[in-house]
Amino acid sequence: MNTKYPLIICLLFVFHGLVAQTTVSVERTDTLRYTLMFAINSFCIEPEWKNNAQEIRRIDSVAHFYRQNRNFDVISVEIVASASFDGGRQMNDLLSERRAMEVEEFLFERFHFSEQTLISINWVGADWGDLQDFILEDEIMSIGEKAELLEIINDNTLSYEQKEARIRQMNRGATFNHLVRYALDLFRRADIKMIVRYREIIYVPQPEEPEPVIQEPPPVAFWRIKTNLAYLGAGVLNMGVEFPIGNRLSLDIPVIYSPYTIAPVWRIRTLGIQPEVRWWTHQTMMGHFFGLHGHLVYYNVSLNPYNRYQDREGRTPLWGFGLSYGYVLNLSGRWNLEFSIGGGYARLDYDIFYNVPNGALRGTGTRNYWGVTRAAIGLTYQFNRRR
């Protein structure tokens, strides 16, 4: 899955110098897989049977996304339906065929596929290969019982009905009852493989580098309040405070909080903090400084119509640390302009959802990021007190 947007989540918090963006359109493909289960001797899709409700919600989510986005296309659909071996060959061939047709109709009602979509429909009756796989992985049956079952399945001299009869007779029916309880429901299903193509818009940040103006510093500020202009431009509220903690040392504590959705394709919902201890080369809280910072951010972000990225229910916020350099320039009286840039580490663990209302989970990701972790243009107001 795409890992660039989680990186942008980090940069939205720490890269305060963001003032413009350009976009790049990229074509991508994905393979989506679903499984619908069927009751014994049934070819009807029952939403409450097994995990069908969850799979139908996933399919409906993609179908809604498909209908709402012109840049989203279904390239191909493959349907493979099967049945359990009990009941006779003729019955199971008919059941698997009807199940495949039912799934095809189910998908057409939701997607209304174009003529360019390649559709493949197959039915296999009883899938003896899947039954062999189950027998080999089963931890309850004895080795001898497994060997006898495999011998029956692979005996080409036996007809379908003879294989079924031999299996039913094993261990006075105990083996067949075990398969009924643990295996046969697994084979009454239809597997769906769908390949989709879509165009994704990537936002590329374009920072501006300010030119600092050299000016005589005012008296030392005992403490300051501040805000980041680039954050406000992006629609994210932020506020910070800074105060001295020692000789040529200060503590800077910026906080961001954005609880709202700006637009369906532009959501920057965050709550974060990035405290930094600063060492000043000449005068505390004026001129040049070096800093050591850490960051912790909870996020729910989407920057295009396709994907939404979110920390895992508040359990995996972005976190990390870094070093920075900066300069504070006096504008007039108590007003100052602050520039800083730094680099370090950020860790992201996130879920990826389709960017639609109640969009289904599309995948998960992790990211160990090394790079820019702080870059700011801040407007500050100081409250002066001489030492």
Protein backbone atom coordinates (compact mmCIF):
# COMPACT_ATOMS: atom_id res chain seq x y z
CA MET A 1 0.00 0.00 0.00
CA ASN A 2 0.99 3.59 -0.40
CA THR A 3 3.35 4.92 2.35
CA LYS A 4 3.81 8.51 1.16
CA TYR A 5 0.73 9.99 2.83
CA PRO A 6 1.72 8.85 6.36
CA LEU A 7 4.98 10.70 5.72
CA ILE A 8 2.93 13.81 4.89
CA ILE A 9 1.08 13.37 8.22
CA CYS A 10 4.41 13.77 9.99
CA LEU A 11 5.46 16.73 7.82
CA LEU A 12 2.14 18.55 8.36
CA PHE A 13 3.01 18.76 12.06
CA VAL A 14 6.74 19.42 11.90
CA PHE A 15 7.18 21.12 8.54
CA HIS A 16 5.76 24.52 9.51
CA GLY A 17 7.27 26.22 6.48
CA LEU A 18 4.75 24.69 4.05
CA VAL A 19 3.35 27.57 1.96
CA ALA A 20 2.46 26.04 -1.43
CA GLN A 21 1.76 22.67 -3.02
CA THR A 22 1.93 21.07 -6.45
CA THR A 23 0.18 17.86 -7.49
CA VAL A 24 1.22 14.78 -9.47
CA SER A 25 -1.27 12.26 -10.92
CA VAL A 26 -0.17 8.60 -10.61
CA GLU A 27 -1.97 5.53 -12.02
CA ARG A 28 -2.15 2.54 -9.65
CA THR A 29 -3.72 -0.94 -9.57
CA ASP A 30 -4.95 -3.03 -6.63
CA THR A 31 -6.14 -6.63 -6.25
CA LEU A 32 -9.22 -7.03 -4.02
CA ARG A 33 -10.33 -10.43 -2.70
CA TYR A 34 -13.64 -11.46 -1.12
CA THR A 35 -15.26 -14.76 -0.04
CA LEU A 36 -19.01 -15.37 0.25
CA MET A 37 -20.19 -18.49 2.13
CA PHE A 38 -23.30 -20.61 1.45
CA ALA A 39 -25.47 -22.81 3.61
CA ILE A 40 -25.72 -26.54 2.81
CA ASN A 41 -27.67 -27.23 -0.43
CA SER A 42 -28.18 -23.47 -0.94
CA PHE A 43 -27.08 -21.03 -3.65
CA CYS A 44 -28.66 -17.93 -2.08
CA ILE A 45 -26.38 -15.22 -0.66
CA GLU A 46 -27.54 -14.86 2.96
CA PRO A 47 -26.07 -11.73 4.66
CA GLU A 48 -26.29 -13.27 8.15
CA TRP A 49 -24.51 -16.52 7.23
CA LYS A 50 -20.93 -16.89 8.54
CA ASN A 51 -18.88 -13.74 7.69
CA ASN A 52 -21.08 -12.66 4.76
CA ALA A 53 -22.23 -9.42 6.44
CA GLN A 54 -18.66 -8.18 6.79
CA GLU A 55 -17.72 -9.17 3.22
CA ILE A 56 -20.85 -7.51 1.78
CA ARG A 57 -20.01 -4.27 3.62
CA ARG A 58 -16.52 -4.36 2.09
CA ILE A 59 -17.93 -4.95 -1.39
CA ASP A 60 -20.56 -2.20 -0.99
CA SER A 61 -17.90 0.25 0.17
CA VAL A 62 -15.82 -0.36 -2.97
CA ALA A 63 -18.93 -0.26 -5.19
CA HIS A 64 -19.91 3.16 -3.76
CA PHE A 65 -16.35 4.39 -4.32
CA TYR A 66 -16.47 3.02 -7.91
CA ARG A 67 -19.72 4.81 -8.74
CA GLN A 68 -18.58 8.15 -7.27
CA ASN A 69 -15.12 8.35 -8.91
CA ARG A 70 -14.60 8.54 -12.65
CA ASN A 71 -10.90 7.75 -12.28
CA PHE A 72 -11.69 4.38 -10.64
CA ASP A 73 -12.13 1.40 -13.00
CA VAL A 74 -12.60 -2.37 -12.56
CA ILE A 75 -10.22 -4.15 -14.96
CA SER A 76 -11.27 -7.75 -14.31
CA VAL A 77 -13.44 -9.93 -12.07
CA GLU A 78 -12.84 -13.64 -11.42
CA ILE A 79 -15.45 -15.79 -9.63
CA VAL A 80 -14.72 -19.39 -8.53
CA ALA A 81 -17.55 -21.27 -6.74
CA SER A 82 -17.36 -24.69 -5.07
CA ALA A 83 -19.31 -27.16 -2.93
CA SER A 84 -18.55 -29.80 -0.30
CA PHE A 85 -18.14 -33.40 -1.52
CA ASP A 86 -21.23 -34.79 0.26
CA GLY A 87 -24.46 -35.08 -1.72
CA GLY A 88 -23.28 -36.56 -4.99
CA ARG A 89 -21.41 -35.20 -8.00
CA GLN A 90 -24.41 -34.09 -10.02
CA MET A 91 -25.91 -32.13 -7.13
CA ASN A 92 -22.59 -30.44 -6.21
CA ASP A 93 -21.79 -29.47 -9.82
CA LEU A 94 -25.22 -27.84 -10.07
CA LEU A 95 -24.85 -26.12 -6.69
CA SER A 96 -21.44 -24.62 -7.48
CA GLU A 97 -22.69 -23.42 -10.89
CA ARG A 98 -25.76 -21.74 -9.37
CA ARG A 99 -23.57 -20.15 -6.67
CA ALA A 100 -21.25 -18.68 -9.31
CA MET A 101 -24.19 -17.25 -11.26
CA GLU A 102 -25.72 -15.81 -8.09
CA VAL A 103 -22.47 -14.02 -7.20
CA GLU A 104 -22.18 -12.64 -10.75
CA GLU A 105 -25.69 -11.15 -10.53
CA PHE A 106 -24.93 -9.83 -7.03
CA LEU A 107 -21.85 -7.95 -8.31
CA PHE A 108 -23.55 -6.61 -11.46
CA GLU A 109 -26.32 -5.05 -9.34
CA ARG A 110 -23.72 -3.09 -7.38
CA PHE A 111 -21.04 -2.19 -9.94
CA HIS A 112 -22.78 -2.05 -13.35
CA PHE A 113 -19.51 -3.09 -15.00
CA SER A 114 -18.51 -1.53 -18.31
CA GLU A 115 -17.97 -3.56 -21.48
CA GLN A 116 -14.21 -3.28 -20.97
CA THR A 117 -14.34 -5.26 -17.70
CA LEU A 118 -13.12 -8.84 -18.16
CA ILE A 119 -15.35 -11.28 -16.26
CA SER A 120 -14.42 -14.94 -15.63
CA ILE A 121 -16.90 -17.35 -13.99
CA ASN A 122 -15.87 -20.88 -12.91
CA TRP A 123 -17.37 -23.65 -10.76
CA VAL A 124 -15.51 -26.74 -9.59
CA GLY A 125 -18.15 -28.85 -7.86
CA ALA A 126 -16.44 -30.57 -4.93
CA ASP A 127 -12.86 -29.33 -4.50
CA TRP A 128 -10.90 -32.45 -3.51
CA GLY A 129 -7.67 -30.44 -3.47
CA ASP A 130 -8.95 -28.15 -0.72
CA LEU A 131 -10.10 -31.22 1.22
CA GLN A 132 -6.58 -32.70 1.01
CA ASP A 133 -5.11 -29.44 2.34
CA PHE A 134 -7.52 -29.50 5.29
CA ILE A 135 -6.64 -33.14 6.10
CA LEU A 136 -2.90 -32.41 6.06
CA GLU A 137 -3.30 -29.41 8.42
CA ASP A 138 -5.86 -31.04 10.77
CA GLU A 139 -4.48 -31.59 14.30
CA ILE A 140 -7.24 -33.92 15.59
CA MET A 141 -7.20 -36.89 13.19
CA SER A 142 -4.55 -39.57 13.64
CA ILE A 143 -1.77 -40.16 11.11
CA GLY A 144 -3.36 -43.45 10.05
CA GLU A 145 -6.76 -41.84 9.59
CA LYS A 146 -5.23 -39.08 7.44
CA ALA A 147 -3.35 -41.64 5.32
CA GLU A 148 -6.51 -43.65 4.67
CA LEU A 149 -8.47 -40.53 3.68
CA LEU A 150 -5.76 -39.35 1.28
CA GLU A 151 -5.57 -42.82 -0.27
CA ILE A 152 -9.33 -42.77 -0.98
CA ILE A 153 -9.23 -39.24 -2.44
CA ASN A 154 -6.30 -40.01 -4.76
CA ASP A 155 -7.57 -43.43 -5.92
CA ASN A 156 -8.42 -42.80 -9.58
CA THR A 157 -10.16 -46.18 -9.86
CA LEU A 158 -12.96 -45.00 -7.57
CA SER A 159 -15.89 -42.96 -8.83
CA TYR A 160 -17.05 -39.78 -7.10
CA GLU A 161 -19.90 -41.65 -5.37
CA GLN A 162 -17.60 -44.52 -4.31
CA LYS A 163 -15.16 -42.06 -2.70
CA GLU A 164 -17.98 -40.43 -0.77
CA ALA A 165 -19.34 -43.81 0.37
CA ARG A 166 -15.90 -45.01 1.54
CA ILE A 167 -15.35 -41.80 3.53
CA ARG A 168 -18.78 -42.08 5.17
CA GLN A 169 -17.97 -45.67 6.27
CA MET A 170 -14.57 -44.88 7.88
CA ASN A 171 -14.43 -45.49 11.65
CA ARG A 172 -18.17 -46.22 11.69
CA GLY A 173 -18.94 -42.70 10.52
CA ALA A 174 -16.74 -40.87 13.06
CA THR A 175 -14.37 -39.55 10.39
CA PHE A 176 -17.20 -38.22 8.23
CA ASN A 177 -18.83 -36.55 11.28
CA HIS A 178 -15.50 -34.85 12.04
CA LEU A 179 -15.37 -33.49 8.47
CA VAL A 180 -18.98 -32.30 8.70
CA ARG A 181 -18.22 -30.44 11.91
CA TYR A 182 -14.91 -28.82 10.96
CA ALA A 183 -14.41 -28.90 7.18
CA LEU A 184 -17.42 -29.09 4.87
CA ASP A 185 -18.75 -25.59 5.61
CA LEU A 186 -15.41 -24.19 4.39
CA PHE A 187 -15.93 -25.57 0.86
CA ARG A 188 -19.44 -24.15 0.32
CA ARG A 189 -18.27 -20.78 -0.95
CA ALA A 190 -17.50 -18.45 -3.84
CA ASP A 191 -14.12 -16.68 -4.07
CA ILE A 192 -13.98 -13.29 -5.81
CA LYS A 193 -10.83 -11.70 -7.20
CA MET A 194 -11.22 -8.13 -8.49
CA ILE A 195 -8.43 -6.06 -10.09
CA VAL A 196 -9.06 -2.29 -10.03
CA ARG A 197 -7.25 0.68 -11.54
CA TYR A 198 -7.37 4.27 -10.33
CA ARG A 199 -5.54 7.58 -10.55
CA GLU A 200 -4.13 9.01 -7.34
CA ILE A 201 -3.20 12.64 -6.72
CA ILE A 202 0.06 13.15 -4.80
CA TYR A 203 0.63 16.48 -3.08
CA VAL A 204 4.26 17.69 -3.16
CA PRO A 205 5.16 20.39 -0.59
CA GLN A 206 6.96 23.51 -1.84
CA PRO A 207 8.63 25.33 1.10
CA GLU A 208 9.78 28.93 0.94
CA GLU A 209 13.04 29.97 2.56
CA PRO A 210 12.74 33.31 4.37
CA GLU A 211 15.61 35.78 4.38
CA PRO A 212 16.39 36.84 7.98
CA VAL A 213 17.02 40.51 8.64
CA ILE A 214 19.80 41.39 11.10
CA GLN A 215 18.66 43.82 13.81
CA GLU A 216 19.70 44.79 17.31
CA PRO A 217 17.88 42.54 19.83
CA PRO A 218 15.37 44.01 22.34
CA PRO A 219 15.47 43.20 26.08
CA VAL A 220 15.26 39.53 27.09
CA ALA A 221 11.68 38.15 26.90
CA PHE A 222 10.63 36.42 30.11
CA TRP A 223 8.02 34.44 28.19
CA ARG A 224 6.30 34.38 24.79
CA ILE A 225 3.11 33.19 23.16
CA LYS A 226 3.28 32.21 19.49
CA THR A 227 1.46 30.72 16.51
CA ASN A 228 2.53 29.23 13.19
CA LEU A 229 1.28 31.09 10.12
CA ALA A 230 1.69 28.17 7.70
CA TYR A 231 -0.44 25.94 9.93
CA LEU A 232 -3.20 28.53 10.00
CA GLY A 233 -3.03 28.70 6.22
CA ALA A 234 -3.53 24.93 6.04
CA GLY A 235 -6.60 25.19 8.27
CA VAL A 236 -4.97 23.82 11.44
CA LEU A 237 -5.20 25.74 14.74
CA ASN A 238 -1.99 26.00 16.77
CA MET A 239 -0.62 27.86 19.77
CA GLY A 240 2.65 27.74 21.69
CA VAL A 241 4.43 29.17 24.69
CA GLU A 242 8.16 29.65 25.41
CA PHE A 243 9.98 30.71 28.60
CA PRO A 244 13.57 30.68 30.01
CA ILE A 245 14.65 27.71 32.14
CA GLY A 246 18.29 28.67 32.76
CA ASN A 247 21.30 30.64 31.53
CA ARG A 248 20.84 30.84 27.71
CA LEU A 249 18.27 28.00 27.93
CA SER A 250 14.54 28.07 27.16
CA LEU A 251 11.63 25.62 26.77
CA ASP A 252 9.34 25.89 23.71
CA ILE A 253 5.96 24.03 23.83
CA PRO A 254 3.86 24.24 20.60
CA VAL A 255 0.45 22.51 20.49
CA ILE A 256 -1.80 21.87 17.48
CA TYR A 257 -5.49 20.95 17.60
CA SER A 258 -7.74 20.50 14.58
CA PRO A 259 -11.06 18.70 15.35
CA TYR A 260 -12.87 19.47 12.09
CA THR A 261 -13.03 18.33 8.48
CA ILE A 262 -12.29 21.14 6.00
CA ALA A 263 -13.66 19.28 2.94
CA PRO A 264 -14.40 15.62 2.03
CA VAL A 265 -10.98 15.33 0.36
CA TRP A 266 -9.09 17.61 2.79
CA ARG A 267 -9.15 16.39 6.36
CA ILE A 268 -6.37 17.32 8.82
CA ARG A 269 -7.77 16.21 12.19
CA THR A 270 -4.86 16.21 14.63
CA LEU A 271 -3.90 16.70 18.26
CA GLY A 272 -0.16 16.98 18.83
CA ILE A 273 2.68 18.48 20.80
CA GLN A 274 6.40 19.07 20.03
CA PRO A 275 8.31 20.40 23.07
CA GLU A 276 11.87 21.63 22.50
CA VAL A 277 14.74 22.64 24.82
CA ARG A 278 16.77 25.47 23.23
CA TRP A 279 20.32 26.71 23.81
CA TRP A 280 20.93 30.31 22.72
CA THR A 281 24.35 31.38 21.42
CA HIS A 282 24.26 34.93 22.79
CA GLN A 283 21.05 36.24 24.38
CA THR A 284 18.27 34.06 25.77
CA MET A 285 15.25 33.91 23.42
CA MET A 286 16.78 36.22 20.81
CA GLY A 287 19.14 35.59 17.88
CA HIS A 288 20.58 32.15 17.05
CA PHE A 289 19.73 28.92 18.91
CA PHE A 290 20.11 25.13 18.74
CA GLY A 291 17.33 22.82 19.98
CA LEU A 292 16.53 19.25 21.03
CA HIS A 293 12.86 18.33 20.45
CA GLY A 294 10.41 15.43 20.64
CA HIS A 295 6.98 15.01 19.02
CA LEU A 296 3.74 13.12 19.73
CA VAL A 297 0.75 13.41 17.32
CA TYR A 298 -2.67 11.75 17.06
CA TYR A 299 -4.01 12.04 13.51
CA ASN A 300 -6.86 11.35 11.08
CA VAL A 301 -5.82 12.71 7.68
CA SER A 302 -6.99 12.57 4.05
CA LEU A 303 -5.58 14.68 1.23
CA ASN A 304 -7.37 13.16 -1.79
CA PRO A 305 -10.66 11.39 -2.65
CA TYR A 306 -9.18 7.90 -2.28
CA ASN A 307 -7.40 7.20 1.02
CA ARG A 308 -7.73 8.23 4.66
CA TYR A 309 -4.91 7.59 7.16
CA GLN A 310 -5.48 7.28 10.90
CA ASP A 311 -3.57 6.17 13.99
CA ARG A 312 -4.99 2.90 15.28
CA GLU A 313 -7.83 4.16 17.51
CA GLY A 314 -5.51 6.43 19.48
CA ARG A 315 -3.16 3.58 20.40
CA THR A 316 -0.37 4.37 17.94
CA PRO A 317 0.30 8.12 17.74
CA LEU A 318 3.21 9.43 15.69
CA TRP A 319 6.25 9.90 17.93
CA GLY A 320 9.93 10.76 17.56
CA PHE A 321 12.73 13.24 18.25
CA GLY A 322 15.25 15.51 16.51
CA LEU A 323 17.78 18.38 16.56
CA SER A 324 17.16 21.86 15.16
CA TYR A 325 18.68 25.25 14.43
CA GLY A 326 16.81 28.56 14.44
CA TYR A 327 16.86 32.34 14.52
CA VAL A 328 14.50 34.88 16.15
CA LEU A 329 14.13 38.30 14.52
CA ASN A 330 12.50 41.30 16.20
CA LEU A 331 9.82 42.95 14.04
CA SER A 332 8.62 45.80 16.23
CA GLY A 333 8.40 46.21 19.99
CA ARG A 334 7.05 42.99 21.48
CA TRP A 335 6.45 41.28 18.11
CA ASN A 336 9.00 38.82 16.71
CA LEU A 337 9.37 36.46 13.76
CA GLU A 338 10.89 33.01 14.36
CA PHE A 339 12.55 30.70 11.79
CA SER A 340 13.75 27.16 12.56
CA ILE A 341 14.66 23.95 10.76
CA GLY A 342 15.68 20.53 12.11
CA GLY A 343 15.92 16.84 11.38
CA GLY A 344 15.45 13.58 13.23
CA TYR A 345 13.25 10.48 13.53
CA ALA A 346 9.49 9.78 13.45
CA ARG A 347 7.62 6.47 13.88
CA LEU A 348 4.18 5.91 12.30
CA ASP A 349 1.80 2.94 12.73
CA TYR A 350 -1.46 3.58 10.86
CA ASP A 351 -4.62 2.18 9.28
CA ILE A 352 -5.65 3.02 5.68
CA PHE A 353 -9.38 3.44 4.90
CA TYR A 354 -11.31 4.21 1.71
CA ASN A 355 -12.06 7.95 1.80
CA VAL A 356 -15.86 7.63 1.85
CA PRO A 357 -18.34 7.85 4.74
CA ASN A 358 -17.79 4.79 6.96
CA GLY A 359 -15.13 3.65 4.47
CA ALA A 360 -13.88 0.10 4.93
CA LEU A 361 -10.40 -0.68 6.19
CA ARG A 362 -8.14 -1.03 3.16
CA GLY A 363 -4.84 -1.93 4.84
CA THR A 364 -2.29 -1.02 7.49
CA GLY A 365 1.24 0.33 7.41
CA THR A 366 4.27 1.33 9.42
CA ARG A 367 6.99 3.86 8.68
CA ASN A 368 10.37 4.65 10.24
CA TYR A 369 11.07 8.15 8.94
CA TRP A 370 14.46 9.94 9.07
CA GLY A 371 14.52 13.45 7.68
CA VAL A 372 13.10 16.93 8.29
CA THR A 373 11.23 16.98 11.60
CA ARG A 374 11.02 20.73 12.30
CA ALA A 375 10.79 23.79 10.03
CA ALA A 376 8.83 26.83 11.18
CA ILE A 377 7.85 30.41 10.43
CA GLY A 378 6.25 31.63 13.65
CA LEU A 379 4.76 34.92 14.80
CA THR A 380 5.41 35.58 18.53
CA TYR A 381 4.39 38.15 21.14
CA GLN A 382 6.69 38.65 24.12
CA PHE A 383 6.21 39.82 27.71
CA ASN A 384 9.47 41.48 28.74
CA ARG A 385 11.19 41.34 32.14
CA ARG A 386 14.84 42.36 32.62
CA ARG A 387 17.11 40.16 34.78
